[in-house]
PDB file of N, CA and C in Angstrom:
ATOM      1  N   UNK A   1      -6.246  -1.610   9.448  1.00  0.00           N
ATOM      2  CA  UNK A   1      -6.934  -1.277   8.269  1.00  0.00           C
ATOM      3  C   UNK A   1      -7.727  -2.315   7.908  1.00  0.00           C
ATOM      4  N   UNK A   2      -8.406  -2.982   7.091  1.00  0.00           N
ATOM      5  CA  UNK A   2      -9.051  -3.620   6.652  1.00  0.00           C
ATOM      6  C   UNK A   2      -9.133  -4.440   5.286  1.00  0.00           C
ATOM      7  N   UNK A   3      -9.541  -5.399   4.751  1.00  0.00           N
ATOM      8  CA  UNK A   3      -9.383  -6.366   3.619  1.00  0.00           C
ATOM      9  C   UNK A   3      -9.651  -5.529   2.682  1.00  0.00           C
ATOM     10  N   UNK A   4     -10.399  -4.581   2.571  1.00  0.00           N
ATOM     11  CA  UNK A   4     -10.136  -3.354   1.493  1.00  0.00           C
ATOM     12  C   UNK A   4      -9.139  -2.734   0.917  1.00  0.00           C
ATOM     13  N   UNK A   5      -8.906  -2.441   2.069  1.00  0.00           N
ATOM     14  CA  UNK A   5      -7.435  -1.513   2.177  1.00  0.00           C
ATOM     15  C   UNK A   5      -6.390  -2.593   1.513  1.00  0.00           C
ATOM     16  N   UNK A   6      -6.287  -3.705   1.860  1.00  0.00           N
ATOM     17  CA  UNK A   6      -5.379  -4.676   1.115  1.00  0.00           C
ATOM     18  C   UNK A   6      -5.720  -4.928  -0.314  1.00  0.00           C
ATOM     19  N   UNK A   7      -6.828  -4.905  -0.453  1.00  0.00           N
ATOM     20  CA  UNK A   7      -7.505  -5.528  -2.034  1.00  0.00           C
ATOM     21  C   UNK A   7      -6.942  -4.338  -2.798  1.00  0.00           C
ATOM     22  N   UNK A   8      -7.533  -2.915  -2.388  1.00  0.00           N
ATOM     23  CA  UNK A   8      -6.951  -1.900  -3.285  1.00  0.00           C
ATOM     24  C   UNK A   8      -5.711  -1.540  -3.372  1.00  0.00           C
ATOM     25  N   UNK A   9      -4.779  -1.855  -2.194  1.00  0.00           N
ATOM     26  CA  UNK A   9      -3.411  -1.485  -2.289  1.00  0.00           C
ATOM     27  C   UNK A   9      -2.753  -2.316  -3.427  1.00  0.00           C
ATOM     28  N   UNK A  10      -3.006  -3.889  -3.298  1.00  0.00           N
ATOM     29  CA  UNK A  10      -2.800  -4.578  -4.555  1.00  0.00           C
ATOM     30  C   UNK A  10      -3.240  -4.088  -5.804  1.00  0.00           C
ATOM     31  N   UNK A  11      -4.214  -3.703  -5.965  1.00  0.00           N
ATOM     32  CA  UNK A  11      -4.781  -3.348  -7.327  1.00  0.00           C
ATOM     33  C   UNK A  11      -4.329  -2.378  -8.103  1.00  0.00           C
ATOM     34  N   UNK A  12      -3.877  -1.029  -6.954  1.00  0.00           N
ATOM     35  CA  UNK A  12      -3.537  -0.219  -7.201  1.00  0.00           C
ATOM     36  C   UNK A  12      -1.872  -0.056  -8.062  1.00  0.00           C
ATOM     37  N   UNK A  13      -1.139  -1.162  -6.999  1.00  0.00           N
ATOM     38  CA  UNK A  13       0.047  -1.643  -7.586  1.00  0.00           C
ATOM     39  C   UNK A  13       0.244  -2.376  -9.027  1.00  0.00           C
ATOM     40  N   UNK A  14      -0.514  -3.149  -8.748  1.00  0.00           N
ATOM     41  CA  UNK A  14      -0.583  -4.031 -10.280  1.00  0.00           C
ATOM     42  C   UNK A  14      -0.868  -2.930 -11.288  1.00  0.00           C
ATOM     43  N   UNK A  15      -1.835  -2.192 -11.103  1.00  0.00           N
ATOM     44  CA  UNK A  15      -2.308  -1.388 -12.000  1.00  0.00           C
ATOM     45  C   UNK A  15      -1.463  -0.302 -12.575  1.00  0.00           C
ATOM     46  N   UNK A  16      -0.433   0.107 -11.541  1.00  0.00           N
ATOM     47  CA  UNK A  16       0.885   0.660 -12.405  1.00  0.00           C
ATOM     48  C   UNK A  16       1.967   0.236 -12.786  1.00  0.00           C
ATOM     49  N   UNK A  17       1.857  -1.382 -12.566  1.00  0.00           N
ATOM     50  CA  UNK A  17       3.370  -1.820 -13.119  1.00  0.00           C
ATOM     51  C   UNK A  17       4.183  -1.966 -12.143  1.00  0.00           C
ATOM     52  N   UNK A  18       3.731  -1.941 -10.928  1.00  0.00           N
ATOM     53  CA  UNK A  18       4.988  -1.956  -9.969  1.00  0.00           C
ATOM     54  C   UNK A  18       4.945  -3.410  -9.288  1.00  0.00           C
ATOM     55  N   UNK A  19       6.079  -3.607  -8.894  1.00  0.00           N
ATOM     56  CA  UNK A  19       6.834  -5.151  -8.072  1.00  0.00           C
ATOM     57  C   UNK A  19       6.327  -4.359  -6.340  1.00  0.00           C
ATOM     58  N   UNK A  20       6.266  -5.468  -5.814  1.00  0.00           N
ATOM     59  CA  UNK A  20       6.064  -5.448  -3.950  1.00  0.00           C
ATOM     60  C   UNK A  20       7.603  -4.784  -4.040  1.00  0.00           C
ATOM     61  N   UNK A  21       8.404  -5.141  -4.571  1.00  0.00           N
ATOM     62  CA  UNK A  21       9.798  -4.600  -4.099  1.00  0.00           C
ATOM     63  C   UNK A  21      10.144  -2.917  -4.558  1.00  0.00           C
ATOM     64  N   UNK A  22       9.360  -2.723  -5.207  1.00  0.00           N
ATOM     65  CA  UNK A  22       9.375  -1.663  -5.945  1.00  0.00           C
ATOM     66  C   UNK A  22       8.831  -0.779  -4.849  1.00  0.00           C
ATOM     67  N   UNK A  23       7.599  -0.940  -4.385  1.00  0.00           N
ATOM     68  CA  UNK A  23       7.550  -0.145  -3.337  1.00  0.00           C
ATOM     69  C   UNK A  23       7.885  -0.284  -1.959  1.00  0.00           C
ATOM     70  N   UNK A  24       7.899  -1.390  -1.560  1.00  0.00           N
ATOM     71  CA  UNK A  24       9.213  -1.411  -0.609  1.00  0.00           C
ATOM     72  C   UNK A  24      10.453  -0.759  -0.391  1.00  0.00           C
ATOM     73  N   UNK A  25      10.943  -0.462  -1.539  1.00  0.00           N
ATOM     74  CA  UNK A  25      12.354   0.260  -1.535  1.00  0.00           C
ATOM     75  C   UNK A  25      12.012   1.773  -1.516  1.00  0.00           C
ATOM     76  N   UNK A  26      10.747   2.184  -2.194  1.00  0.00           N
ATOM     77  CA  UNK A  26      10.502   3.640  -1.853  1.00  0.00           C
ATOM     78  C   UNK A  26       9.984   4.124  -0.457  1.00  0.00           C
ATOM     79  N   UNK A  27       9.393   2.916   0.085  1.00  0.00           N
ATOM     80  CA  UNK A  27       9.085   2.932   1.502  1.00  0.00           C
ATOM     81  C   UNK A  27      10.265   2.895   2.893  1.00  0.00           C
ATOM     82  N   UNK A  28      11.101   2.405   2.047  1.00  0.00           N
ATOM     83  CA  UNK A  28      12.738   2.068   3.000  1.00  0.00           C
ATOM     84  C   UNK A  28      11.954   0.768   4.100  1.00  0.00           C
ATOM     85  N   UNK A  29      11.201   0.045   3.444  1.00  0.00           N
ATOM     86  CA  UNK A  29      10.656  -1.469   4.250  1.00  0.00           C
ATOM     87  C   UNK A  29      11.304  -2.302   3.396  1.00  0.00           C
ATOM     88  N   UNK A  30      11.191  -3.735   4.052  1.00  0.00           N
ATOM     89  CA  UNK A  30      11.090  -4.998   3.278  1.00  0.00           C
ATOM     90  C   UNK A  30      10.244  -5.020   2.689  1.00  0.00           C
ATOM     91  N   UNK A  31      10.463  -5.955   1.344  1.00  0.00           N
ATOM     92  CA  UNK A  31       9.471  -6.631   0.678  1.00  0.00           C
ATOM     93  C   UNK A  31       8.565  -7.412   1.447  1.00  0.00           C
ATOM     94  N   UNK A  32       8.988  -8.427   2.536  1.00  0.00           N
ATOM     95  CA  UNK A  32       7.864  -8.940   2.977  1.00  0.00           C
ATOM     96  C   UNK A  32       7.329  -7.913   4.072  1.00  0.00           C
ATOM     97  N   UNK A  33       7.655  -6.965   4.684  1.00  0.00           N
ATOM     98  CA  UNK A  33       6.996  -5.934   5.444  1.00  0.00           C
ATOM     99  C   UNK A  33       5.834  -5.605   4.334  1.00  0.00           C
ATOM    100  N   UNK A  34       6.137  -5.253   3.264  1.00  0.00           N
ATOM    101  CA  UNK A  34       5.244  -4.526   2.342  1.00  0.00           C
ATOM    102  C   UNK A  34       4.073  -5.749   2.098  1.00  0.00           C
ATOM    103  N   UNK A  35       4.495  -6.891   1.876  1.00  0.00           N
ATOM    104  CA  UNK A  35       3.534  -7.745   1.428  1.00  0.00           C
ATOM    105  C   UNK A  35       2.535  -8.257   2.481  1.00  0.00           C
ATOM    106  N   UNK A  36       3.242  -7.935   3.754  1.00  0.00           N
ATOM    107  CA  UNK A  36       2.110  -7.846   5.043  1.00  0.00           C
ATOM    108  C   UNK A  36       1.065  -6.778   4.741  1.00  0.00           C
ATOM    109  N   UNK A  37       1.333  -5.766   4.153  1.00  0.00           N
ATOM    110  CA  UNK A  37       0.383  -4.891   4.071  1.00  0.00           C
ATOM    111  C   UNK A  37      -0.850  -5.183   3.031  1.00  0.00           C
ATOM    112  N   UNK A  38      -0.377  -5.986   1.975  1.00  0.00           N
ATOM    113  CA  UNK A  38      -1.048  -6.589   0.989  1.00  0.00           C
ATOM    114  C   UNK A  38      -1.963  -7.705   1.468  1.00  0.00           C
ATOM    115  N   UNK A  39      -1.481  -8.343   2.584  1.00  0.00           N
ATOM    116  CA  UNK A  39      -2.135  -9.804   2.999  1.00  0.00           C
ATOM    117  C   UNK A  39      -2.831  -9.257   4.358  1.00  0.00           C
ATOM    118  N   UNK A  40      -3.227  -7.900   4.552  1.00  0.00           N
ATOM    119  CA  UNK A  40      -3.712  -7.741   5.678  1.00  0.00           C
ATOM    120  C   UNK A  40      -3.003  -7.850   7.161  1.00  0.00           C
ATOM    121  N   UNK A  41      -1.720  -8.631   7.123  1.00  0.00           N
ATOM    122  CA  UNK A  41      -1.233  -8.523   8.433  1.00  0.00           C
ATOM    123  C   UNK A  41      -0.427  -7.452   8.953  1.00  0.00           C
ATOM    124  N   UNK A  42      -0.302  -6.579   8.268  1.00  0.00           N
ATOM    125  CA  UNK A  42       0.430  -5.516   9.194  1.00  0.00           C
ATOM    126  C   UNK A  42      -0.382  -4.229   8.205  1.00  0.00           C
ATOM    127  N   UNK A  43      -0.217  -3.165   9.415  1.00  0.00           N
ATOM    128  CA  UNK A  43      -0.605  -1.595   8.694  1.00  0.00           C
ATOM    129  C   UNK A  43       0.436  -0.739   8.845  1.00  0.00           C
ATOM    130  N   UNK A  44       0.181   0.313   7.609  1.00  0.00           N
ATOM    131  CA  UNK A  44       1.577   1.181   7.635  1.00  0.00           C
ATOM    132  C   UNK A  44       1.356   2.020   8.653  1.00  0.00           C
ATOM    133  N   UNK A  45       2.375   2.683   8.848  1.00  0.00           N
ATOM    134  CA  UNK A  45       2.366   4.009   9.722  1.00  0.00           C
ATOM    135  C   UNK A  45       1.906   4.811   8.964  1.00  0.00           C
ATOM    136  N   UNK A  46       1.388   6.225   9.349  1.00  0.00           N
ATOM    137  CA  UNK A  46       0.926   7.262   8.740  1.00  0.00           C
ATOM    138  C   UNK A  46       1.744   7.633   7.897  1.00  0.00           C
ATOM    139  N   UNK A  47       2.911   7.988   7.817  1.00  0.00           N
ATOM    140  CA  UNK A  47       3.850   8.337   7.097  1.00  0.00           C
ATOM    141  C   UNK A  47       3.984   7.441   6.072  1.00  0.00           C
ATOM    142  N   UNK A  48       3.867   6.130   6.090  1.00  0.00           N
ATOM    143  CA  UNK A  48       3.898   5.145   5.105  1.00  0.00           C
ATOM    144  C   UNK A  48       2.652   5.255   4.002  1.00  0.00           C
ATOM    145  N   UNK A  49       1.598   5.263   4.916  1.00  0.00           N
ATOM    146  CA  UNK A  49       0.301   5.501   4.247  1.00  0.00           C
ATOM    147  C   UNK A  49       0.454   6.672   3.320  1.00  0.00           C
ATOM    148  N   UNK A  50       0.632   7.667   3.882  1.00  0.00           N
ATOM    149  CA  UNK A  50       0.839   8.955   2.930  1.00  0.00           C
ATOM    150  C   UNK A  50       1.832   8.741   1.784  1.00  0.00           C
ATOM    151  N   UNK A  51       2.912   8.072   1.746  1.00  0.00           N
ATOM    152  CA  UNK A  51       3.810   7.788   0.849  1.00  0.00           C
ATOM    153  C   UNK A  51       3.200   7.148  -0.177  1.00  0.00           C
ATOM    154  N   UNK A  52       2.631   5.638   0.266  1.00  0.00           N
ATOM    155  CA  UNK A  52       1.853   4.770  -0.719  1.00  0.00           C
ATOM    156  C   UNK A  52       1.058   5.604  -1.411  1.00  0.00           C
ATOM    157  N   UNK A  53       0.120   6.601  -0.997  1.00  0.00           N
ATOM    158  CA  UNK A  53      -0.997   7.326  -1.753  1.00  0.00           C
ATOM    159  C   UNK A  53      -0.212   8.340  -2.493  1.00  0.00           C
ATOM    160  N   UNK A  54       0.912   8.952  -2.431  1.00  0.00           N
ATOM    161  CA  UNK A  54       1.569   9.607  -3.656  1.00  0.00           C
ATOM    162  C   UNK A  54       2.143   8.540  -4.326  1.00  0.00           C
ATOM    163  N   UNK A  55       2.880   7.389  -4.197  1.00  0.00           N
ATOM    164  CA  UNK A  55       3.216   6.310  -5.277  1.00  0.00           C
ATOM    165  C   UNK A  55       2.223   5.915  -6.110  1.00  0.00           C
ATOM    166  N   UNK A  56       0.874   5.535  -5.264  1.00  0.00           N
ATOM    167  CA  UNK A  56      -0.100   5.095  -6.273  1.00  0.00           C
ATOM    168  C   UNK A  56      -1.029   5.979  -6.652  1.00  0.00           C
ATOM    169  N   UNK A  57      -0.713   7.077  -6.560  1.00  0.00           N
ATOM    170  CA  UNK A  57      -1.600   8.524  -6.933  1.00  0.00           C
ATOM    171  C   UNK A  57      -3.055   8.182  -6.594  1.00  0.00           C
ATOM    172  N   UNK A  58      -3.425   8.127  -5.053  1.00  0.00           N
ATOM    173  CA  UNK A  58      -4.771   7.966  -4.875  1.00  0.00           C
ATOM    174  C   UNK A  58      -4.412   8.698  -3.231  1.00  0.00           C
ATOM    175  N   UNK A  59      -5.732   8.537  -2.578  1.00  0.00           N
ATOM    176  CA  UNK A  59      -6.281   9.109  -1.529  1.00  0.00           C
ATOM    177  C   UNK A  59      -6.030   8.472  -0.153  1.00  0.00           C
ATOM    178  N   UNK A  60      -5.917   8.686   0.954  1.00  0.00           N
ATOM    179  CA  UNK A  60      -5.750   7.839   2.345  1.00  0.00           C
ATOM    180  C   UNK A  60      -7.309   7.225   2.061  1.00  0.00           C
ATOM    181  N   UNK A  61      -8.428   8.249   2.072  1.00  0.00           N
ATOM    182  CA  UNK A  61      -9.440   7.920   2.002  1.00  0.00           C
ATOM    183  C   UNK A  61     -10.113   6.784   1.195  1.00  0.00           C
ATOM    184  N   UNK A  62      -9.634   6.642  -0.315  1.00  0.00           N
ATOM    185  CA  UNK A  62      -9.861   5.765  -0.980  1.00  0.00           C
ATOM    186  C   UNK A  62      -9.248   4.568  -0.276  1.00  0.00           C
ATOM    187  N   UNK A  63      -7.950   4.374  -0.338  1.00  0.00           N
ATOM    188  CA  UNK A  63      -7.310   3.179   0.218  1.00  0.00           C
ATOM    189  C   UNK A  63      -7.910   2.379   1.357  1.00  0.00           C
ATOM    190  N   UNK A  64      -8.320   3.343   2.021  1.00  0.00           N
ATOM    191  CA  UNK A  64      -9.017   2.652   3.625  1.00  0.00           C
ATOM    192  C   UNK A  64     -10.331   2.669   3.547  1.00  0.00           C
ATOM    193  N   UNK A  65     -11.018   2.692   2.313  1.00  0.00           N
ATOM    194  CA  UNK A  65     -12.468   2.918   1.932  1.00  0.00           C
ATOM    195  C   UNK A  65     -13.573   3.571   2.806  1.00  0.00           C
ATOM    196  N   UNK A  66     -12.766   4.964   2.900  1.00  0.00           N
ATOM    197  CA  UNK A  66     -13.806   5.873   3.348  1.00  0.00           C
ATOM    198  C   UNK A  66     -14.139   6.831   2.259  1.00  0.00           C
ATOM    199  N   UNK A  67     -14.230   6.340   1.303  1.00  0.00           N
ATOM    200  CA  UNK A  67     -14.460   7.277   0.327  1.00  0.00           C
ATOM    201  C   UNK A  67     -15.691   6.761  -0.654  1.00  0.00           C
TER     202      UNK A  67
END
């Protein structure tokens, strides 16, 4: 992914009033792994990317900067 992905992921999470742990629980991953998404250290699987979009009410194109 890219830094825009990380930035938008965090912005949308905060806007929804969610904690990193809330999303990690939904994705069935650790909060450390989810934090890695927001820091740009890890990329979510396609399955988790789609789950993130559903949780955050957005599209893959927006999150990845292709919109």
